[in-house]
Amino acid sequence: MPARDLQEQLNTLREQLEQNPPLSQEERGHLHELMAQIEAQIELETQTQNTSLADNVNLAVERFELEHPALAGTLRNIVQTLGNIGI
């Protein structure tokens, strides 16, 4: 089930953030906002297209790619899963 995969990836991202990578408050806040959006989408379990969520996660991938590759990798997995479930 793709929604379960998305939840697992979100949990991985949460665990990575708990390890306190060197992020600014702005970066950390941005990721928490994205995580809240993803969690809301999972709860709704809608099949409607929400490209803004996928776009926001893609922007986060670009933002963290160079300095935080592990976070970016997890975010890429989230984008893939969002696409798989039609979001």
C-alpha atoms as a PDB file:
ATOM      1  CA  MET A   1       0.000   0.000   0.000  1.00  0.00           C
ATOM      2  CA  PRO A   2       1.617   3.276  -1.105  1.00  0.00           C
ATOM      3  CA  ALA A   3       0.097   5.320   1.749  1.00  0.00           C
ATOM      4  CA  ARG A   4       1.842   3.003   4.210  1.00  0.00           C
ATOM      5  CA  ASP A   5       5.112   3.499   2.304  1.00  0.00           C
ATOM      6  CA  LEU A   6       4.617   7.249   2.491  1.00  0.00           C
ATOM      7  CA  GLN A   7       4.020   7.064   6.242  1.00  0.00           C
ATOM      8  CA  GLU A   8       7.180   4.970   6.696  1.00  0.00           C
ATOM      9  CA  GLN A   9       9.212   7.489   4.692  1.00  0.00           C
ATOM     10  CA  LEU A  10       7.734  10.315   6.719  1.00  0.00           C
ATOM     11  CA  ASN A  11       8.754   8.467   9.880  1.00  0.00           C
ATOM     12  CA  THR A  12      12.288   8.113   8.479  1.00  0.00           C
ATOM     13  CA  LEU A  13      12.418  11.845   7.798  1.00  0.00           C
ATOM     14  CA  ARG A  14      11.184  12.535  11.333  1.00  0.00           C
ATOM     15  CA  GLU A  15      13.910  10.258  12.758  1.00  0.00           C
ATOM     16  CA  GLN A  16      16.551  12.041  10.687  1.00  0.00           C
ATOM     17  CA  LEU A  17      15.380  15.397  12.009  1.00  0.00           C
ATOM     18  CA  GLU A  18      15.488  14.088  15.576  1.00  0.00           C
ATOM     19  CA  GLN A  19      19.217  13.477  15.077  1.00  0.00           C
ATOM     20  CA  ASN A  20      19.534  17.275  14.898  1.00  0.00           C
ATOM     21  CA  PRO A  21      21.278  17.791  11.566  1.00  0.00           C
ATOM     22  CA  PRO A  22      22.749  21.289  11.222  1.00  0.00           C
ATOM     23  CA  LEU A  23      19.648  23.073   9.932  1.00  0.00           C
ATOM     24  CA  SER A  24      18.563  26.643  10.445  1.00  0.00           C
ATOM     25  CA  GLN A  25      15.305  27.316  12.262  1.00  0.00           C
ATOM     26  CA  GLU A  26      13.814  28.345   8.900  1.00  0.00           C
ATOM     27  CA  GLU A  27      14.865  25.081   7.239  1.00  0.00           C
ATOM     28  CA  ARG A  28      13.620  23.022  10.155  1.00  0.00           C
ATOM     29  CA  GLY A  29      10.321  24.916  10.173  1.00  0.00           C
ATOM     30  CA  HIS A  30       9.923  24.386   6.430  1.00  0.00           C
ATOM     31  CA  LEU A  31      10.404  20.637   6.808  1.00  0.00           C
ATOM     32  CA  HIS A  32       7.959  20.457   9.714  1.00  0.00           C
ATOM     33  CA  GLU A  33       5.394  22.327   7.617  1.00  0.00           C
ATOM     34  CA  LEU A  34       5.874  19.874   4.745  1.00  0.00           C
ATOM     35  CA  MET A  35       5.566  16.955   7.115  1.00  0.00           C
ATOM     36  CA  ALA A  36       2.286  18.347   8.458  1.00  0.00           C
ATOM     37  CA  GLN A  37       0.977  18.730   4.898  1.00  0.00           C
ATOM     38  CA  ILE A  38       1.959  15.157   4.065  1.00  0.00           C
ATOM     39  CA  GLU A  39       0.351  13.833   7.235  1.00  0.00           C
ATOM     40  CA  ALA A  40      -2.851  15.732   6.458  1.00  0.00           C
ATOM     41  CA  GLN A  41      -2.885  14.243   2.973  1.00  0.00           C
ATOM     42  CA  ILE A  42      -2.423  10.742   4.342  1.00  0.00           C
ATOM     43  CA  GLU A  43      -5.291  11.275   6.793  1.00  0.00           C
ATOM     44  CA  LEU A  44      -7.622  12.477   4.081  1.00  0.00           C
ATOM     45  CA  GLU A  45      -6.716   9.502   1.877  1.00  0.00           C
ATOM     46  CA  THR A  46      -7.971  11.372  -1.113  1.00  0.00           C
ATOM     47  CA  GLN A  47      -7.223  10.366  -4.644  1.00  0.00           C
ATOM     48  CA  THR A  48      -7.372  13.913  -5.948  1.00  0.00           C
ATOM     49  CA  GLN A  49      -4.359  15.515  -7.530  1.00  0.00           C
ATOM     50  CA  ASN A  50      -2.516  17.823  -5.133  1.00  0.00           C
ATOM     51  CA  THR A  51       0.435  18.891  -7.199  1.00  0.00           C
ATOM     52  CA  SER A  52       1.290  21.728  -4.846  1.00  0.00           C
ATOM     53  CA  LEU A  53       2.298  19.219  -2.153  1.00  0.00           C
ATOM     54  CA  ALA A  54       4.533  17.292  -4.568  1.00  0.00           C
ATOM     55  CA  ASP A  55       5.940  20.583  -5.873  1.00  0.00           C
ATOM     56  CA  ASN A  56       6.718  21.736  -2.330  1.00  0.00           C
ATOM     57  CA  VAL A  57       8.499  18.495  -1.530  1.00  0.00           C
ATOM     58  CA  ASN A  58      10.461  18.741  -4.799  1.00  0.00           C
ATOM     59  CA  LEU A  59      11.545  22.256  -3.849  1.00  0.00           C
ATOM     60  CA  ALA A  60      12.700  20.930  -0.492  1.00  0.00           C
ATOM     61  CA  VAL A  61      14.739  18.244  -2.278  1.00  0.00           C
ATOM     62  CA  GLU A  62      16.517  20.929  -4.281  1.00  0.00           C
ATOM     63  CA  ARG A  63      17.055  23.036  -1.185  1.00  0.00           C
ATOM     64  CA  PHE A  64      18.631  20.275   0.906  1.00  0.00           C
ATOM     65  CA  GLU A  65      20.345  18.254  -1.829  1.00  0.00           C
ATOM     66  CA  LEU A  66      23.879  19.602  -1.425  1.00  0.00           C
ATOM     67  CA  GLU A  67      24.221  20.112   2.302  1.00  0.00           C
ATOM     68  CA  HIS A  68      21.896  17.394   3.595  1.00  0.00           C
ATOM     69  CA  PRO A  69      21.871  14.518   1.083  1.00  0.00           C
ATOM     70  CA  ALA A  70      20.237  12.021   3.470  1.00  0.00           C
ATOM     71  CA  LEU A  71      17.263  14.334   4.019  1.00  0.00           C
ATOM     72  CA  ALA A  72      17.055  15.004   0.284  1.00  0.00           C
ATOM     73  CA  GLY A  73      17.077  11.271  -0.451  1.00  0.00           C
ATOM     74  CA  THR A  74      14.202  10.649   1.929  1.00  0.00           C
ATOM     75  CA  LEU A  75      12.296  13.586   0.447  1.00  0.00           C
ATOM     76  CA  ARG A  76      12.863  12.134  -3.061  1.00  0.00           C
ATOM     77  CA  ASN A  77      11.338   8.867  -1.863  1.00  0.00           C
ATOM     78  CA  ILE A  78       8.356  10.814  -0.547  1.00  0.00           C
ATOM     79  CA  VAL A  79       7.914  12.531  -3.933  1.00  0.00           C
ATOM     80  CA  GLN A  80       8.003   9.145  -5.652  1.00  0.00           C
ATOM     81  CA  THR A  81       5.446   7.690  -3.287  1.00  0.00           C
ATOM     82  CA  LEU A  82       3.192  10.723  -3.677  1.00  0.00           C
ATOM     83  CA  GLY A  83       3.308  10.146  -7.430  1.00  0.00           C
ATOM     84  CA  ASN A  84       2.548   6.458  -6.990  1.00  0.00           C
ATOM     85  CA  ILE A  85      -0.597   7.206  -5.020  1.00  0.00           C
ATOM     86  CA  GLY A  86      -1.719   9.883  -7.443  1.00  0.00           C
ATOM     87  CA  ILE A  87      -0.890  12.977  -5.460  1.00  0.00           C
END
